[in-house]
Amino acid sequence: MKTKILFLSIATLFFVNTIYSQNRTTVIASSSEISDNLDLKAVASIFGDSKNLEDFEYRLNNPKYKISNLDLNDDRQVDYLRVIESVEGNTHLIVIQAILERDIFQDVATIEVEKDRYNRMQVQVVGNVYMYGNNYIYEPVYDHSPILFTYFWAPNYRVYHSRWNWRYYPRFYYYWRPFPIYRYHRNVGLWINYNNHYNYVNVRRSAVATNLYRNVRANSYEIRNPERSFVRRNNSVSNRYELDRNRTSNGSNRSENNNAITPRSNTRTDIETPRQNNQSAKPRQNTRTESDTPRRNQSDSNAPRGRENNEKNPRSTSPREERSPNSRR
């Protein structure tokens, strides 16, 4: 009798465990497309709003804007993007590089600015081939001529080279965790100036910029992870533009028209905020300025900071939750 009871107990326990295993949901994190994590139209937009290249680097890495979502070294922190420049004649090459370790960098995009003999400016934002595939290029047409263009060809112009390195960053900067892709696209769309136009092309205009790039190229991540190149990640398309078109044709919820964000009219000003809406009737106006951020007491200082600031919570820069006038406090 005792033997039968023991057998029934074991069988019941096995049956219950089987049912529990079948009902348990297993969540498996899936790796996202690398190029989803830095929108080049947003890069082009804040470039046009910047006063100079130091300001451009500040905007790229400002925890308030969160323009980048790249975490190439897989440390669960968004990588700092430094800016370096190379100049020859009427051509300026601006290279954006992710800092992965001490003196270890990976190019993510370049901005090529060239002035012709008629003083016309040609700007191209070029995605790195490893990150975005071949010839993924946007040509921004700015609603107003960017301020930094007035300095590029000044007689006393000084070529910009970021002095920041691994764990040595400006005071305004602190780490934050990468967003889920859908949330990143929703956020970055708020910082794109839709008064500008962002024309996709697949031909590089400047031979001088191409030659300059050979001397400043950094591809440490690419060398370490050749299997993660765009070609191997997406062998059916040549670059990110074609990938987006395939996604759209397959019913994806992300389109090339800047991630389904509805363009909103705005008026550009010289203040820090990349977008400034002039429609007072809309409840979600993007009229934030640098003074809105409580953590910006020393944002303009370039004094170095160490890893000790990593524990700051990036959520402190988020807007406070709106309360109803009748709600109790």
Protein backbone atom coordinates (compact mmCIF):
# COMPACT_ATOMS: atom_id res chain seq x y z
CA MET A 1 0.00 0.00 0.00
CA LYS A 2 2.81 2.38 0.93
CA THR A 3 4.53 1.53 -2.34
CA LYS A 4 1.44 2.50 -4.35
CA ILE A 5 1.09 5.79 -2.45
CA LEU A 6 4.77 6.64 -3.08
CA PHE A 7 4.41 5.81 -6.79
CA LEU A 8 1.28 7.96 -7.11
CA SER A 9 3.03 10.87 -5.34
CA ILE A 10 6.01 10.71 -7.70
CA ALA A 11 3.73 10.50 -10.76
CA THR A 12 1.67 13.46 -9.56
CA LEU A 13 4.79 15.55 -8.91
CA PHE A 14 6.12 14.73 -12.41
CA PHE A 15 2.77 15.64 -14.02
CA VAL A 16 2.58 18.99 -12.18
CA ASN A 17 6.15 19.90 -13.15
CA THR A 18 5.41 19.08 -16.79
CA ILE A 19 2.38 21.35 -16.86
CA TYR A 20 4.33 24.18 -15.17
CA SER A 21 7.16 23.87 -17.68
CA GLN A 22 4.73 24.08 -20.59
CA ASN A 23 3.02 27.18 -19.20
CA ARG A 24 6.22 29.02 -18.29
CA THR A 25 7.15 31.80 -20.72
CA THR A 26 10.81 32.11 -21.65
CA VAL A 27 11.97 35.58 -22.71
CA ILE A 28 14.95 35.54 -25.05
CA ALA A 29 16.64 38.85 -25.83
CA SER A 30 17.15 39.28 -29.55
CA SER A 31 20.05 41.29 -30.97
CA SER A 32 18.90 44.32 -32.92
CA GLU A 33 20.20 45.69 -36.20
CA ILE A 34 23.19 47.87 -35.29
CA SER A 35 22.21 50.65 -37.69
CA ASP A 36 18.86 51.03 -35.88
CA ASN A 37 20.71 52.70 -33.02
CA LEU A 38 21.92 55.92 -34.65
CA ASP A 39 19.59 57.87 -36.93
CA LEU A 40 21.69 59.79 -39.47
CA LYS A 41 18.91 62.26 -40.16
CA ALA A 42 19.01 63.22 -36.49
CA VAL A 43 22.79 63.56 -36.77
CA ALA A 44 22.39 65.83 -39.81
CA SER A 45 19.74 67.87 -38.00
CA ILE A 46 21.75 68.62 -34.85
CA PHE A 47 24.83 69.31 -36.99
CA GLY A 48 22.91 72.11 -38.68
CA ASP A 49 21.80 73.47 -35.29
CA SER A 50 25.29 73.47 -33.74
CA LYS A 51 27.38 76.60 -33.21
CA ASN A 52 30.67 74.74 -33.75
CA LEU A 53 32.02 71.19 -33.68
CA GLU A 54 32.47 71.21 -29.91
CA ASP A 55 28.79 72.07 -29.60
CA PHE A 56 27.98 69.34 -32.12
CA GLU A 57 29.82 66.75 -29.99
CA TYR A 58 27.96 68.04 -26.95
CA ARG A 59 24.60 67.54 -28.67
CA LEU A 60 25.56 64.05 -29.85
CA ASN A 61 26.23 62.94 -26.27
CA ASN A 62 23.84 65.04 -24.22
CA PRO A 63 21.85 62.66 -21.97
CA LYS A 64 18.87 64.99 -22.40
CA TYR A 65 18.67 64.40 -26.14
CA LYS A 66 19.87 60.78 -26.36
CA ILE A 67 20.61 61.06 -30.08
CA SER A 68 22.63 57.83 -30.00
CA ASN A 69 21.58 54.41 -28.76
CA LEU A 70 24.80 52.59 -29.72
CA ASP A 71 26.37 50.08 -27.35
CA LEU A 72 29.06 48.45 -29.48
CA ASN A 73 31.18 47.11 -26.63
CA ASP A 74 28.15 45.44 -24.99
CA ASP A 75 28.66 46.98 -21.54
CA ARG A 76 24.97 47.96 -21.31
CA GLN A 77 25.89 51.63 -21.54
CA VAL A 78 25.49 53.89 -24.58
CA ASP A 79 28.91 54.63 -26.06
CA TYR A 80 30.34 58.14 -25.99
CA LEU A 81 30.73 59.54 -29.53
CA ARG A 82 33.75 61.74 -30.08
CA VAL A 83 34.23 64.10 -33.05
CA ILE A 84 37.47 64.66 -34.96
CA GLU A 85 38.07 66.81 -38.01
CA SER A 86 40.44 66.85 -40.98
CA VAL A 87 40.69 69.79 -43.38
CA GLU A 88 42.17 70.28 -46.81
CA GLY A 89 41.48 73.41 -48.86
CA ASN A 90 37.72 73.95 -49.07
CA THR A 91 36.87 70.50 -47.69
CA HIS A 92 36.08 69.65 -44.07
CA LEU A 93 35.80 66.00 -43.05
CA ILE A 94 34.10 65.42 -39.68
CA VAL A 95 34.38 61.87 -38.32
CA ILE A 96 32.11 60.51 -35.57
CA GLN A 97 33.76 57.72 -33.57
CA ALA A 98 32.46 55.56 -30.72
CA ILE A 99 34.85 55.23 -27.77
CA LEU A 100 34.97 51.54 -26.86
CA GLU A 101 38.07 51.24 -24.67
CA ARG A 102 41.14 53.35 -23.96
CA ASP A 103 42.43 54.47 -27.37
CA ILE A 104 40.06 52.01 -29.08
CA PHE A 105 37.56 53.64 -31.45
CA GLN A 106 35.06 52.68 -34.15
CA ASP A 107 33.86 55.03 -36.89
CA VAL A 108 30.09 55.22 -37.15
CA ALA A 109 29.58 58.06 -39.66
CA THR A 110 31.27 61.00 -41.38
CA ILE A 111 30.05 64.45 -42.35
CA GLU A 112 31.67 65.89 -45.47
CA VAL A 113 31.36 69.63 -46.10
CA GLU A 114 32.78 71.17 -49.25
CA LYS A 115 32.57 74.66 -50.75
CA ASP A 116 32.85 75.14 -54.49
CA ARG A 117 34.21 78.17 -56.33
CA TYR A 118 30.77 79.77 -56.29
CA ASN A 119 30.70 79.54 -52.46
CA ARG A 120 27.96 76.91 -52.56
CA MET A 121 28.05 74.39 -49.73
CA GLN A 122 27.65 70.66 -50.26
CA VAL A 123 27.00 68.56 -47.14
CA GLN A 124 26.82 64.76 -46.99
CA VAL A 125 26.27 62.59 -43.94
CA VAL A 126 27.77 59.20 -44.79
CA GLY A 127 27.08 56.06 -42.77
CA ASN A 128 30.07 53.83 -42.08
CA VAL A 129 30.09 50.89 -44.50
CA TYR A 130 30.48 48.34 -41.70
CA MET A 131 27.53 49.85 -39.82
CA TYR A 132 25.14 50.89 -42.62
CA GLY A 133 26.30 49.16 -45.81
CA ASN A 134 27.64 50.72 -48.99
CA ASN A 135 26.77 54.31 -49.92
CA TYR A 136 24.18 55.07 -47.26
CA ILE A 137 24.24 58.86 -47.59
CA TYR A 138 21.97 61.76 -46.69
CA GLU A 139 22.32 65.25 -48.10
CA PRO A 140 20.64 67.72 -45.74
CA VAL A 141 19.22 70.90 -47.21
CA TYR A 142 19.00 73.32 -44.31
CA ASP A 143 16.19 75.81 -43.88
CA HIS A 144 18.79 78.30 -42.66
CA SER A 145 22.53 78.22 -43.27
CA PRO A 146 24.18 76.61 -40.22
CA ILE A 147 26.12 78.99 -37.98
CA LEU A 148 29.23 76.83 -37.99
CA PHE A 149 29.62 77.35 -41.76
CA THR A 150 30.59 80.96 -41.06
CA TYR A 151 33.67 79.73 -39.16
CA PHE A 152 34.82 76.84 -41.34
CA TRP A 153 36.72 79.01 -43.82
CA ALA A 154 37.86 81.78 -41.48
CA PRO A 155 41.61 82.56 -41.70
CA ASN A 156 42.20 81.71 -38.03
CA TYR A 157 40.04 78.56 -37.98
CA ARG A 158 41.38 75.80 -35.72
CA VAL A 159 40.78 72.18 -36.70
CA TYR A 160 38.72 70.41 -34.04
CA HIS A 161 39.86 67.20 -32.39
CA SER A 162 38.00 65.84 -29.38
CA ARG A 163 40.20 65.43 -26.31
CA TRP A 164 37.93 62.93 -24.58
CA ASN A 165 38.78 59.27 -24.15
CA TRP A 166 37.69 56.15 -22.30
CA ARG A 167 36.42 57.10 -18.81
CA TYR A 168 37.54 60.68 -19.37
CA TYR A 169 34.49 62.70 -20.34
CA PRO A 170 33.07 66.24 -19.95
CA ARG A 171 31.07 67.06 -16.86
CA PHE A 172 27.68 67.15 -18.57
CA TYR A 173 27.99 63.53 -19.65
CA TYR A 174 26.91 60.42 -17.79
CA TYR A 175 26.07 56.91 -18.92
CA TRP A 176 22.57 55.67 -19.67
CA ARG A 177 21.26 52.29 -20.71
CA PRO A 178 20.24 51.71 -24.33
CA PHE A 179 16.55 52.06 -25.09
CA PRO A 180 14.43 49.39 -26.74
CA ILE A 181 14.54 50.21 -30.47
CA TYR A 182 10.92 51.38 -30.73
CA ARG A 183 11.45 53.78 -27.82
CA TYR A 184 14.71 55.11 -29.27
CA HIS A 185 13.05 55.94 -32.60
CA ARG A 186 10.18 57.65 -30.84
CA ASN A 187 12.61 59.79 -28.83
CA VAL A 188 15.07 60.66 -31.59
CA GLY A 189 12.29 61.82 -33.90
CA LEU A 190 11.60 64.67 -31.47
CA TRP A 191 15.03 66.16 -32.18
CA ILE A 192 14.86 66.20 -35.98
CA ASN A 193 14.15 69.59 -37.53
CA TYR A 194 11.55 68.90 -40.20
CA ASN A 195 11.94 72.32 -41.77
CA ASN A 196 15.09 70.84 -43.28
CA HIS A 197 15.09 68.28 -46.07
CA TYR A 198 17.11 65.06 -45.90
CA ASN A 199 17.68 63.67 -49.37
CA TYR A 200 18.99 60.15 -49.76
CA VAL A 201 21.71 59.63 -52.38
CA ASN A 202 24.12 56.80 -53.12
CA VAL A 203 27.07 58.72 -54.57
CA ARG A 204 29.78 60.53 -52.60
CA ARG A 205 30.47 64.00 -53.96
CA SER A 206 33.90 64.79 -52.52
CA ALA A 207 37.01 62.92 -53.66
CA VAL A 208 39.08 65.06 -51.28
CA ALA A 209 37.02 63.93 -48.26
CA THR A 210 37.39 60.31 -49.35
CA ASN A 211 41.18 60.68 -49.44
CA LEU A 212 41.26 62.48 -46.09
CA TYR A 213 39.28 59.69 -44.49
CA ARG A 214 42.00 57.13 -45.21
CA ASN A 215 44.32 58.96 -42.80
CA VAL A 216 41.95 59.16 -39.83
CA ARG A 217 39.93 55.96 -40.11
CA ALA A 218 39.35 53.91 -36.93
CA ASN A 219 37.79 50.44 -37.18
CA SER A 220 38.75 48.48 -34.07
CA TYR A 221 35.28 47.02 -33.57
CA GLU A 222 35.07 46.05 -37.23
CA ILE A 223 38.37 44.16 -37.00
CA ARG A 224 37.28 42.32 -33.86
CA ASN A 225 33.80 41.46 -35.17
CA PRO A 226 33.93 40.93 -38.95
CA GLU A 227 30.90 38.66 -38.77
CA ARG A 228 28.72 41.58 -37.65
CA SER A 229 29.26 43.72 -40.75
CA PHE A 230 26.15 44.99 -42.52
CA VAL A 231 26.77 42.70 -45.49
CA ARG A 232 26.76 39.63 -43.26
CA ARG A 233 23.84 40.84 -41.18
CA ASN A 234 21.76 41.59 -44.29
CA ASN A 235 23.01 39.67 -47.30
CA SER A 236 19.93 40.44 -49.41
CA VAL A 237 20.34 44.24 -49.46
CA SER A 238 23.28 46.56 -50.06
CA ASN A 239 22.67 49.20 -47.39
CA ARG A 240 20.34 50.53 -44.71
CA TYR A 241 18.13 52.40 -47.18
CA GLU A 242 17.26 49.19 -49.03
CA LEU A 243 16.73 47.44 -45.70
CA ASP A 244 14.18 50.08 -44.70
CA ARG A 245 12.38 49.75 -48.02
CA ASN A 246 12.15 45.98 -47.53
CA ARG A 247 10.81 46.49 -44.04
CA THR A 248 8.18 48.89 -45.34
CA SER A 249 7.13 46.57 -48.15
CA ASN A 250 6.88 43.69 -45.65
CA GLY A 251 4.51 45.65 -43.43
CA SER A 252 7.06 46.68 -40.84
CA ASN A 253 5.99 49.40 -38.44
CA ARG A 254 9.12 51.38 -39.20
CA SER A 255 9.30 53.37 -42.40
CA GLU A 256 11.93 55.48 -44.05
CA ASN A 257 9.93 58.62 -43.25
CA ASN A 258 11.76 58.88 -39.99
CA ASN A 259 10.21 56.10 -38.03
CA ALA A 260 6.54 57.04 -38.38
CA ILE A 261 7.04 60.31 -36.54
CA THR A 262 4.65 62.94 -37.89
CA PRO A 263 6.54 66.03 -39.03
CA ARG A 264 5.69 69.10 -37.03
CA SER A 265 6.29 72.63 -38.24
CA ASN A 266 8.81 74.57 -36.21
CA THR A 267 10.86 77.72 -36.22
CA ARG A 268 14.61 77.36 -35.78
CA THR A 269 16.33 79.66 -33.32
CA ASP A 270 19.83 79.97 -31.94
CA ILE A 271 19.04 78.39 -28.59
CA GLU A 272 20.38 75.01 -27.53
CA THR A 273 17.25 72.97 -28.15
CA PRO A 274 17.41 71.35 -31.60
CA ARG A 275 13.69 71.80 -32.26
CA GLN A 276 11.46 74.67 -31.24
CA ASN A 277 7.75 74.39 -32.04
CA ASN A 278 5.83 77.58 -32.61
CA GLN A 279 2.38 76.07 -32.23
CA SER A 280 1.08 77.08 -28.82
CA ALA A 281 -2.10 75.07 -29.19
CA LYS A 282 -0.47 71.66 -29.09
CA PRO A 283 0.00 70.07 -25.65
CA ARG A 284 3.33 68.36 -26.43
CA GLN A 285 5.35 71.34 -27.54
CA ASN A 286 9.05 70.74 -27.82
CA THR A 287 10.12 74.02 -26.24
CA ARG A 288 12.72 72.62 -23.88
CA THR A 289 15.95 74.51 -23.39
CA GLU A 290 19.14 73.64 -21.63
CA SER A 291 17.92 75.31 -18.44
CA ASP A 292 15.18 72.68 -18.11
CA THR A 293 17.57 69.96 -17.09
CA PRO A 294 18.24 69.83 -13.32
CA ARG A 295 21.61 68.16 -13.85
CA ARG A 296 23.00 70.96 -16.05
CA ASN A 297 24.70 73.08 -13.38
CA GLN A 298 28.08 72.60 -15.03
CA SER A 299 27.08 71.34 -18.45
CA ASP A 300 29.24 73.78 -20.35
CA SER A 301 32.38 72.92 -18.46
CA ASN A 302 34.82 70.61 -20.14
CA ALA A 303 36.53 69.50 -16.94
CA PRO A 304 37.17 65.75 -17.01
CA ARG A 305 35.12 63.37 -15.02
CA GLY A 306 35.61 59.78 -14.09
CA ARG A 307 33.56 56.67 -13.74
CA GLU A 308 32.11 57.78 -10.43
CA ASN A 309 29.21 59.50 -12.23
CA ASN A 310 27.99 56.28 -13.73
CA GLU A 311 25.55 55.68 -10.93
CA LYS A 312 23.50 58.74 -11.77
CA ASN A 313 20.10 57.88 -12.97
CA PRO A 314 19.44 59.22 -16.49
CA ARG A 315 15.78 59.21 -15.72
CA SER A 316 16.34 62.37 -13.69
CA THR A 317 16.28 64.32 -16.93
CA SER A 318 12.82 63.06 -17.85
CA PRO A 319 9.91 65.50 -17.60
CA ARG A 320 7.85 65.24 -14.42
CA GLU A 321 4.59 63.43 -14.60
CA GLU A 322 1.71 65.83 -15.19
CA ARG A 323 -0.84 65.92 -12.42
CA SER A 324 -4.47 66.81 -12.60
CA PRO A 325 -5.33 70.11 -10.90
CA ASN A 326 -7.75 68.23 -8.63
CA SER A 327 -5.35 65.50 -7.66
CA ARG A 328 -4.15 65.32 -4.06
CA ARG A 329 -0.45 65.94 -3.37
